[in-house]
Amino acid sequence: PSGKSKMDVYMWGAAGGAGYNYSSGGGGGRVTHTTAGAGGYTSGTIAITGSPTFKMVVGQGGSATDVATNYTNVAYGGGGRGNVQGHYGVGGGGGGYSGIFLTSVSHSNSILIAGGGSGSPSASDGGNHYSGNGGGTTGQDGGQNNSSGHLADGNGKGGTQSAGGAAGATNYSGNISTAGSALQGGDGDHMCGGGGGGYYGGGGGGHTGNHGSSGSGGGSGYI
């Protein structure tokens, strides 16, 4: 904008989406009661020198449609995909980051980013499998499922200032959770939510057969 020397910015990343409870067929599962991760918050003042071009991304909330053996859609702003294999009960998609970039949307051109929250898992065995919130400096780790038979480190980790969040451990064949990466949340394992988008995205949670799913990580913010 002509004649302006600065702009004060307040931005929020998008929340993750809710998953669906297990259903053996017909898409009859109800939306899970596990809450998805909230979007993060970032603020700052951007100096305007000369005539720069700023690109803005407004994160899209994560979502899910109860389908069998499929992924959710990627949310705008790098939200990772929720997933289910072999029956109904998909995990929720991760929410996208909101960000401002200089000249073009790329990791190296980031000025300000607010991280997205992760989608909720759908498998209810055990507990403590909460969804990671977006950052801020660091996205929140997803909750580790407290079922006694669940694999250690099954929770997806939050994105940081230097790396995407690690994916949760899984023993579920045919499907592997993925780590977050620059501007992109990872995909969840079977019945797990997607990681939140961010400066570095959160990792997808992992599933342990007959012992449920752990939460996924939120994406990090950036200043």
C-alpha atoms as a PDB file:
ATOM      1  CA  PRO A   1       0.000   0.000   0.000  1.00  0.00           C
ATOM      2  CA  SER A   2       1.236   3.427  -0.975  1.00  0.00           C
ATOM      3  CA  GLY A   3       2.622   5.693   1.739  1.00  0.00           C
ATOM      4  CA  LYS A   4       2.652   3.079   4.509  1.00  0.00           C
ATOM      5  CA  SER A   5       5.785   2.231   6.496  1.00  0.00           C
ATOM      6  CA  LYS A   6       4.450  -0.712   8.495  1.00  0.00           C
ATOM      7  CA  MET A   7       1.505  -3.002   9.112  1.00  0.00           C
ATOM      8  CA  ASP A   8       0.429  -4.568  12.392  1.00  0.00           C
ATOM      9  CA  VAL A   9      -0.585  -8.192  11.920  1.00  0.00           C
ATOM     10  CA  TYR A  10      -2.649 -10.548  14.085  1.00  0.00           C
ATOM     11  CA  MET A  11      -3.275 -14.015  12.715  1.00  0.00           C
ATOM     12  CA  TRP A  12      -4.626 -17.388  13.732  1.00  0.00           C
ATOM     13  CA  GLY A  13      -3.993 -20.798  12.225  1.00  0.00           C
ATOM     14  CA  ALA A  14      -6.944 -23.054  11.487  1.00  0.00           C
ATOM     15  CA  ALA A  15      -8.230 -25.790  13.772  1.00  0.00           C
ATOM     16  CA  GLY A  16      -8.152 -29.451  12.855  1.00  0.00           C
ATOM     17  CA  GLY A  17     -11.248 -31.433  11.981  1.00  0.00           C
ATOM     18  CA  ALA A  18     -13.144 -34.064  13.977  1.00  0.00           C
ATOM     19  CA  GLY A  19     -12.897 -37.704  12.942  1.00  0.00           C
ATOM     20  CA  TYR A  20     -15.599 -40.378  12.983  1.00  0.00           C
ATOM     21  CA  ASN A  21     -16.092 -43.300  15.334  1.00  0.00           C
ATOM     22  CA  TYR A  22     -15.452 -46.849  14.112  1.00  0.00           C
ATOM     23  CA  SER A  23     -18.182 -48.346  11.920  1.00  0.00           C
ATOM     24  CA  SER A  24     -18.014 -51.729  10.181  1.00  0.00           C
ATOM     25  CA  GLY A  25     -19.982 -50.532   7.173  1.00  0.00           C
ATOM     26  CA  GLY A  26     -22.389 -48.045   5.692  1.00  0.00           C
ATOM     27  CA  GLY A  27     -20.723 -44.977   7.090  1.00  0.00           C
ATOM     28  CA  GLY A  28     -22.891 -45.158  10.185  1.00  0.00           C
ATOM     29  CA  GLY A  29     -20.304 -43.909  12.643  1.00  0.00           C
ATOM     30  CA  ARG A  30     -20.938 -40.717  14.585  1.00  0.00           C
ATOM     31  CA  VAL A  31     -18.517 -37.837  14.898  1.00  0.00           C
ATOM     32  CA  THR A  32     -15.984 -38.647  17.616  1.00  0.00           C
ATOM     33  CA  HIS A  33     -16.040 -36.775  20.912  1.00  0.00           C
ATOM     34  CA  THR A  34     -12.256 -36.321  20.801  1.00  0.00           C
ATOM     35  CA  THR A  35     -11.592 -32.603  20.237  1.00  0.00           C
ATOM     36  CA  ALA A  36      -9.344 -31.577  17.353  1.00  0.00           C
ATOM     37  CA  GLY A  37      -6.362 -29.283  17.892  1.00  0.00           C
ATOM     38  CA  ALA A  38      -6.854 -25.518  17.976  1.00  0.00           C
ATOM     39  CA  GLY A  39      -5.005 -23.172  15.643  1.00  0.00           C
ATOM     40  CA  GLY A  40      -2.048 -21.177  16.950  1.00  0.00           C
ATOM     41  CA  TYR A  41      -1.658 -17.399  17.207  1.00  0.00           C
ATOM     42  CA  THR A  42       1.086 -15.116  15.911  1.00  0.00           C
ATOM     43  CA  SER A  43       1.365 -11.324  15.855  1.00  0.00           C
ATOM     44  CA  GLY A  44       3.949  -8.774  14.809  1.00  0.00           C
ATOM     45  CA  THR A  45       4.725  -5.578  12.945  1.00  0.00           C
ATOM     46  CA  ILE A  46       5.991  -5.859   9.386  1.00  0.00           C
ATOM     47  CA  ALA A  47       8.106  -2.992   8.060  1.00  0.00           C
ATOM     48  CA  ILE A  48       7.247  -1.880   4.516  1.00  0.00           C
ATOM     49  CA  THR A  49      10.227  -0.666   2.496  1.00  0.00           C
ATOM     50  CA  GLY A  50       9.839   0.359  -1.139  1.00  0.00           C
ATOM     51  CA  SER A  51       7.033  -1.428  -3.009  1.00  0.00           C
ATOM     52  CA  PRO A  52       7.082  -5.053  -1.856  1.00  0.00           C
ATOM     53  CA  THR A  53       4.601  -7.731  -2.848  1.00  0.00           C
ATOM     54  CA  PHE A  54       3.150  -9.686   0.047  1.00  0.00           C
ATOM     55  CA  LYS A  55       1.353 -13.011  -0.377  1.00  0.00           C
ATOM     56  CA  MET A  56      -1.148 -14.078   2.265  1.00  0.00           C
ATOM     57  CA  VAL A  57      -2.445 -17.559   3.075  1.00  0.00           C
ATOM     58  CA  VAL A  58      -5.514 -17.969   5.280  1.00  0.00           C
ATOM     59  CA  GLY A  59      -5.616 -21.489   6.710  1.00  0.00           C
ATOM     60  CA  GLN A  60      -8.597 -23.745   6.023  1.00  0.00           C
ATOM     61  CA  GLY A  61     -10.058 -25.770   8.850  1.00  0.00           C
ATOM     62  CA  GLY A  62      -9.522 -29.510   8.753  1.00  0.00           C
ATOM     63  CA  SER A  63     -12.482 -31.676   7.782  1.00  0.00           C
ATOM     64  CA  ALA A  64     -13.541 -35.282   7.255  1.00  0.00           C
ATOM     65  CA  THR A  65     -16.194 -37.243   5.388  1.00  0.00           C
ATOM     66  CA  ASP A  66     -16.839 -40.700   6.831  1.00  0.00           C
ATOM     67  CA  VAL A  67     -15.482 -42.921   4.100  1.00  0.00           C
ATOM     68  CA  ALA A  68     -13.891 -46.380   4.186  1.00  0.00           C
ATOM     69  CA  THR A  69     -10.243 -47.064   3.308  1.00  0.00           C
ATOM     70  CA  ASN A  70      -9.303 -43.545   2.305  1.00  0.00           C
ATOM     71  CA  TYR A  71      -7.729 -40.248   3.302  1.00  0.00           C
ATOM     72  CA  THR A  72      -9.375 -36.921   4.012  1.00  0.00           C
ATOM     73  CA  ASN A  73      -8.619 -33.952   1.775  1.00  0.00           C
ATOM     74  CA  VAL A  74      -5.578 -31.755   2.388  1.00  0.00           C
ATOM     75  CA  ALA A  75      -6.695 -28.471   3.972  1.00  0.00           C
ATOM     76  CA  TYR A  76      -5.473 -25.250   2.325  1.00  0.00           C
ATOM     77  CA  GLY A  77      -2.410 -24.125   4.247  1.00  0.00           C
ATOM     78  CA  GLY A  78      -0.803 -27.544   4.479  1.00  0.00           C
ATOM     79  CA  GLY A  79      -3.134 -29.456   6.788  1.00  0.00           C
ATOM     80  CA  GLY A  80      -2.216 -33.158   6.792  1.00  0.00           C
ATOM     81  CA  ARG A  81      -4.640 -35.936   5.905  1.00  0.00           C
ATOM     82  CA  GLY A  82      -6.603 -38.108   8.318  1.00  0.00           C
ATOM     83  CA  ASN A  83      -6.931 -41.754   7.371  1.00  0.00           C
ATOM     84  CA  VAL A  84      -8.723 -45.076   7.799  1.00  0.00           C
ATOM     85  CA  GLN A  85      -8.140 -48.521   6.291  1.00  0.00           C
ATOM     86  CA  GLY A  86     -10.499 -51.492   5.911  1.00  0.00           C
ATOM     87  CA  HIS A  87     -13.676 -49.996   7.393  1.00  0.00           C
ATOM     88  CA  TYR A  88     -15.305 -46.677   8.286  1.00  0.00           C
ATOM     89  CA  GLY A  89     -14.004 -44.370  11.012  1.00  0.00           C
ATOM     90  CA  VAL A  90     -11.658 -41.853   9.398  1.00  0.00           C
ATOM     91  CA  GLY A  91      -9.481 -39.511  11.468  1.00  0.00           C
ATOM     92  CA  GLY A  92      -9.979 -35.768  11.014  1.00  0.00           C
ATOM     93  CA  GLY A  93      -7.848 -33.668   8.694  1.00  0.00           C
ATOM     94  CA  GLY A  94      -5.300 -31.245  10.098  1.00  0.00           C
ATOM     95  CA  GLY A  95      -5.913 -27.497   9.930  1.00  0.00           C
ATOM     96  CA  GLY A  96      -3.884 -25.224   7.667  1.00  0.00           C
ATOM     97  CA  TYR A  97      -1.442 -22.524   8.715  1.00  0.00           C
ATOM     98  CA  SER A  98      -2.072 -18.821   8.132  1.00  0.00           C
ATOM     99  CA  GLY A  99       0.908 -16.864   6.875  1.00  0.00           C
ATOM    100  CA  ILE A 100       2.396 -13.841   5.155  1.00  0.00           C
ATOM    101  CA  PHE A 101       5.224 -14.247   2.653  1.00  0.00           C
ATOM    102  CA  LEU A 102       7.425 -11.874   0.694  1.00  0.00           C
ATOM    103  CA  THR A 103       7.011 -12.109  -3.109  1.00  0.00           C
ATOM    104  CA  SER A 104       5.855 -15.749  -3.240  1.00  0.00           C
ATOM    105  CA  VAL A 105       4.601 -18.510  -0.955  1.00  0.00           C
ATOM    106  CA  SER A 106       7.648 -20.540   0.009  1.00  0.00           C
ATOM    107  CA  HIS A 107       9.354 -21.605   3.197  1.00  0.00           C
ATOM    108  CA  SER A 108      12.335 -19.294   2.633  1.00  0.00           C
ATOM    109  CA  ASN A 109      10.053 -16.279   2.050  1.00  0.00           C
ATOM    110  CA  SER A 110       8.132 -16.660   5.332  1.00  0.00           C
ATOM    111  CA  ILE A 111       7.573 -13.496   7.363  1.00  0.00           C
ATOM    112  CA  LEU A 112       4.865 -14.449   9.858  1.00  0.00           C
ATOM    113  CA  ILE A 113       3.091 -17.813  10.268  1.00  0.00           C
ATOM    114  CA  ALA A 114       0.525 -19.145  12.748  1.00  0.00           C
ATOM    115  CA  GLY A 115       0.429 -22.939  12.941  1.00  0.00           C
ATOM    116  CA  GLY A 116      -2.609 -25.140  12.328  1.00  0.00           C
ATOM    117  CA  GLY A 117      -4.059 -27.631  14.815  1.00  0.00           C
ATOM    118  CA  SER A 118      -4.145 -31.371  14.205  1.00  0.00           C
ATOM    119  CA  GLY A 119      -7.185 -33.461  13.345  1.00  0.00           C
ATOM    120  CA  SER A 120      -8.682 -35.760  15.972  1.00  0.00           C
ATOM    121  CA  PRO A 121      -8.171 -39.530  16.025  1.00  0.00           C
ATOM    122  CA  SER A 122     -11.210 -41.761  15.710  1.00  0.00           C
ATOM    123  CA  ALA A 123     -10.157 -44.930  17.601  1.00  0.00           C
ATOM    124  CA  SER A 124     -11.205 -44.643  21.236  1.00  0.00           C
ATOM    125  CA  ASP A 125      -9.287 -47.516  22.894  1.00  0.00           C
ATOM    126  CA  GLY A 126      -7.386 -46.229  25.901  1.00  0.00           C
ATOM    127  CA  GLY A 127      -7.371 -42.484  26.474  1.00  0.00           C
ATOM    128  CA  ASN A 128      -5.145 -39.394  26.626  1.00  0.00           C
ATOM    129  CA  HIS A 129      -5.018 -39.354  22.806  1.00  0.00           C
ATOM    130  CA  TYR A 130      -5.602 -35.600  22.550  1.00  0.00           C
ATOM    131  CA  SER A 131      -4.886 -33.619  19.392  1.00  0.00           C
ATOM    132  CA  GLY A 132      -1.937 -31.209  19.286  1.00  0.00           C
ATOM    133  CA  ASN A 133      -2.611 -27.482  19.035  1.00  0.00           C
ATOM    134  CA  GLY A 134      -0.803 -25.240  16.573  1.00  0.00           C
ATOM    135  CA  GLY A 135       1.958 -22.755  17.541  1.00  0.00           C
ATOM    136  CA  GLY A 136       3.365 -20.274  18.385  1.00  0.00           C
ATOM    137  CA  THR A 137       7.023 -21.176  18.440  1.00  0.00           C
ATOM    138  CA  THR A 138       6.379 -24.913  18.597  1.00  0.00           C
ATOM    139  CA  GLY A 139       3.319 -26.997  17.778  1.00  0.00           C
ATOM    140  CA  GLN A 140       1.980 -29.143  20.595  1.00  0.00           C
ATOM    141  CA  ASP A 141       2.711 -32.869  20.555  1.00  0.00           C
ATOM    142  CA  GLY A 142      -0.303 -35.127  20.204  1.00  0.00           C
ATOM    143  CA  GLY A 143      -1.271 -37.207  23.236  1.00  0.00           C
ATOM    144  CA  GLN A 144       0.184 -40.683  23.686  1.00  0.00           C
ATOM    145  CA  ASN A 145      -2.621 -43.258  23.936  1.00  0.00           C
ATOM    146  CA  ASN A 146      -2.487 -44.773  27.431  1.00  0.00           C
ATOM    147  CA  SER A 147      -3.706 -48.244  26.486  1.00  0.00           C
ATOM    148  CA  SER A 148      -1.244 -50.709  28.034  1.00  0.00           C
ATOM    149  CA  GLY A 149      -0.630 -52.380  24.674  1.00  0.00           C
ATOM    150  CA  HIS A 150      -0.057 -49.214  22.668  1.00  0.00           C
ATOM    151  CA  LEU A 151       3.373 -48.729  21.115  1.00  0.00           C
ATOM    152  CA  ALA A 152       5.654 -46.173  22.784  1.00  0.00           C
ATOM    153  CA  ASP A 153       6.068 -42.916  20.843  1.00  0.00           C
ATOM    154  CA  GLY A 154       2.795 -43.523  19.037  1.00  0.00           C
ATOM    155  CA  ASN A 155       1.963 -39.824  19.215  1.00  0.00           C
ATOM    156  CA  GLY A 156       2.780 -37.430  16.377  1.00  0.00           C
ATOM    157  CA  LYS A 157       5.094 -34.633  17.489  1.00  0.00           C
ATOM    158  CA  GLY A 158       4.644 -30.887  16.986  1.00  0.00           C
ATOM    159  CA  GLY A 159       6.594 -28.929  14.390  1.00  0.00           C
ATOM    160  CA  THR A 160       9.500 -26.813  15.669  1.00  0.00           C
ATOM    161  CA  GLN A 161      11.580 -23.915  14.336  1.00  0.00           C
ATOM    162  CA  SER A 162      13.950 -26.293  12.559  1.00  0.00           C
ATOM    163  CA  ALA A 163      12.080 -29.485  11.602  1.00  0.00           C
ATOM    164  CA  GLY A 164       8.734 -31.108  11.019  1.00  0.00           C
ATOM    165  CA  GLY A 165       7.207 -33.141  13.816  1.00  0.00           C
ATOM    166  CA  ALA A 166       8.084 -36.840  13.871  1.00  0.00           C
ATOM    167  CA  ALA A 167       5.428 -39.384  12.933  1.00  0.00           C
ATOM    168  CA  GLY A 168       3.967 -41.683  15.562  1.00  0.00           C
ATOM    169  CA  ALA A 169       5.035 -45.326  15.763  1.00  0.00           C
ATOM    170  CA  THR A 170       2.656 -47.888  14.244  1.00  0.00           C
ATOM    171  CA  ASN A 171       2.337 -51.627  13.717  1.00  0.00           C
ATOM    172  CA  TYR A 172      -0.595 -51.347  11.342  1.00  0.00           C
ATOM    173  CA  SER A 173       0.221 -52.936   7.981  1.00  0.00           C
ATOM    174  CA  GLY A 174      -0.441 -51.209   4.689  1.00  0.00           C
ATOM    175  CA  ASN A 175      -0.366 -47.709   6.090  1.00  0.00           C
ATOM    176  CA  ILE A 176       2.351 -45.600   7.673  1.00  0.00           C
ATOM    177  CA  SER A 177       1.992 -42.247   9.400  1.00  0.00           C
ATOM    178  CA  THR A 178       4.253 -39.537   7.992  1.00  0.00           C
ATOM    179  CA  ALA A 179       6.319 -36.749   9.525  1.00  0.00           C
ATOM    180  CA  GLY A 180       5.582 -33.065   9.054  1.00  0.00           C
ATOM    181  CA  SER A 181       7.714 -30.997   6.688  1.00  0.00           C
ATOM    182  CA  ALA A 182       8.185 -27.387   5.579  1.00  0.00           C
ATOM    183  CA  LEU A 183       4.707 -25.777   5.331  1.00  0.00           C
ATOM    184  CA  GLN A 184       3.019 -29.234   5.396  1.00  0.00           C
ATOM    185  CA  GLY A 185       1.516 -31.422   8.116  1.00  0.00           C
ATOM    186  CA  GLY A 186       2.048 -35.176   8.034  1.00  0.00           C
ATOM    187  CA  ASP A 187      -0.602 -37.792   7.279  1.00  0.00           C
ATOM    188  CA  GLY A 188      -2.144 -39.835  10.070  1.00  0.00           C
ATOM    189  CA  ASP A 189      -2.002 -43.596  10.401  1.00  0.00           C
ATOM    190  CA  HIS A 190      -5.106 -45.834  10.464  1.00  0.00           C
ATOM    191  CA  MET A 191      -7.904 -43.969  12.284  1.00  0.00           C
ATOM    192  CA  CYS A 192      -5.517 -41.095  13.119  1.00  0.00           C
ATOM    193  CA  GLY A 193      -5.852 -37.389  12.403  1.00  0.00           C
ATOM    194  CA  GLY A 194      -3.592 -35.364  10.139  1.00  0.00           C
ATOM    195  CA  GLY A 195      -0.893 -33.082  11.484  1.00  0.00           C
ATOM    196  CA  GLY A 196      -1.390 -29.317  11.436  1.00  0.00           C
ATOM    197  CA  GLY A 197       0.249 -27.195   8.744  1.00  0.00           C
ATOM    198  CA  GLY A 198       2.867 -24.694   9.804  1.00  0.00           C
ATOM    199  CA  TYR A 199       6.316 -23.219   9.289  1.00  0.00           C
ATOM    200  CA  TYR A 200       7.078 -26.849   9.944  1.00  0.00           C
ATOM    201  CA  GLY A 201       4.057 -29.140  10.051  1.00  0.00           C
ATOM    202  CA  GLY A 202       3.142 -31.563  12.816  1.00  0.00           C
ATOM    203  CA  GLY A 203       3.599 -35.310  12.470  1.00  0.00           C
ATOM    204  CA  GLY A 204       0.732 -37.749  12.013  1.00  0.00           C
ATOM    205  CA  GLY A 205      -0.233 -39.989  14.927  1.00  0.00           C
ATOM    206  CA  GLY A 206       0.291 -43.759  14.942  1.00  0.00           C
ATOM    207  CA  HIS A 207      -2.111 -46.674  15.435  1.00  0.00           C
ATOM    208  CA  THR A 208      -1.485 -49.915  17.333  1.00  0.00           C
ATOM    209  CA  GLY A 209      -3.699 -52.830  16.292  1.00  0.00           C
ATOM    210  CA  ASN A 210      -6.463 -53.495  18.869  1.00  0.00           C
ATOM    211  CA  HIS A 211      -5.110 -50.707  21.071  1.00  0.00           C
ATOM    212  CA  GLY A 212      -6.312 -47.563  19.345  1.00  0.00           C
ATOM    213  CA  SER A 213      -4.666 -44.418  18.039  1.00  0.00           C
ATOM    214  CA  SER A 214      -2.560 -41.604  19.453  1.00  0.00           C
ATOM    215  CA  GLY A 215      -2.925 -37.899  18.724  1.00  0.00           C
ATOM    216  CA  SER A 216      -1.160 -35.994  15.957  1.00  0.00           C
ATOM    217  CA  GLY A 217       1.054 -32.926  16.298  1.00  0.00           C
ATOM    218  CA  GLY A 218       0.303 -29.265  15.639  1.00  0.00           C
ATOM    219  CA  GLY A 219       2.262 -27.102  13.198  1.00  0.00           C
ATOM    220  CA  SER A 220       4.730 -24.448  14.343  1.00  0.00           C
ATOM    221  CA  GLY A 221       4.463 -20.714  13.826  1.00  0.00           C
ATOM    222  CA  TYR A 222       7.192 -18.319  12.761  1.00  0.00           C
ATOM    223  CA  ILE A 223       8.272 -14.713  13.141  1.00  0.00           C
END
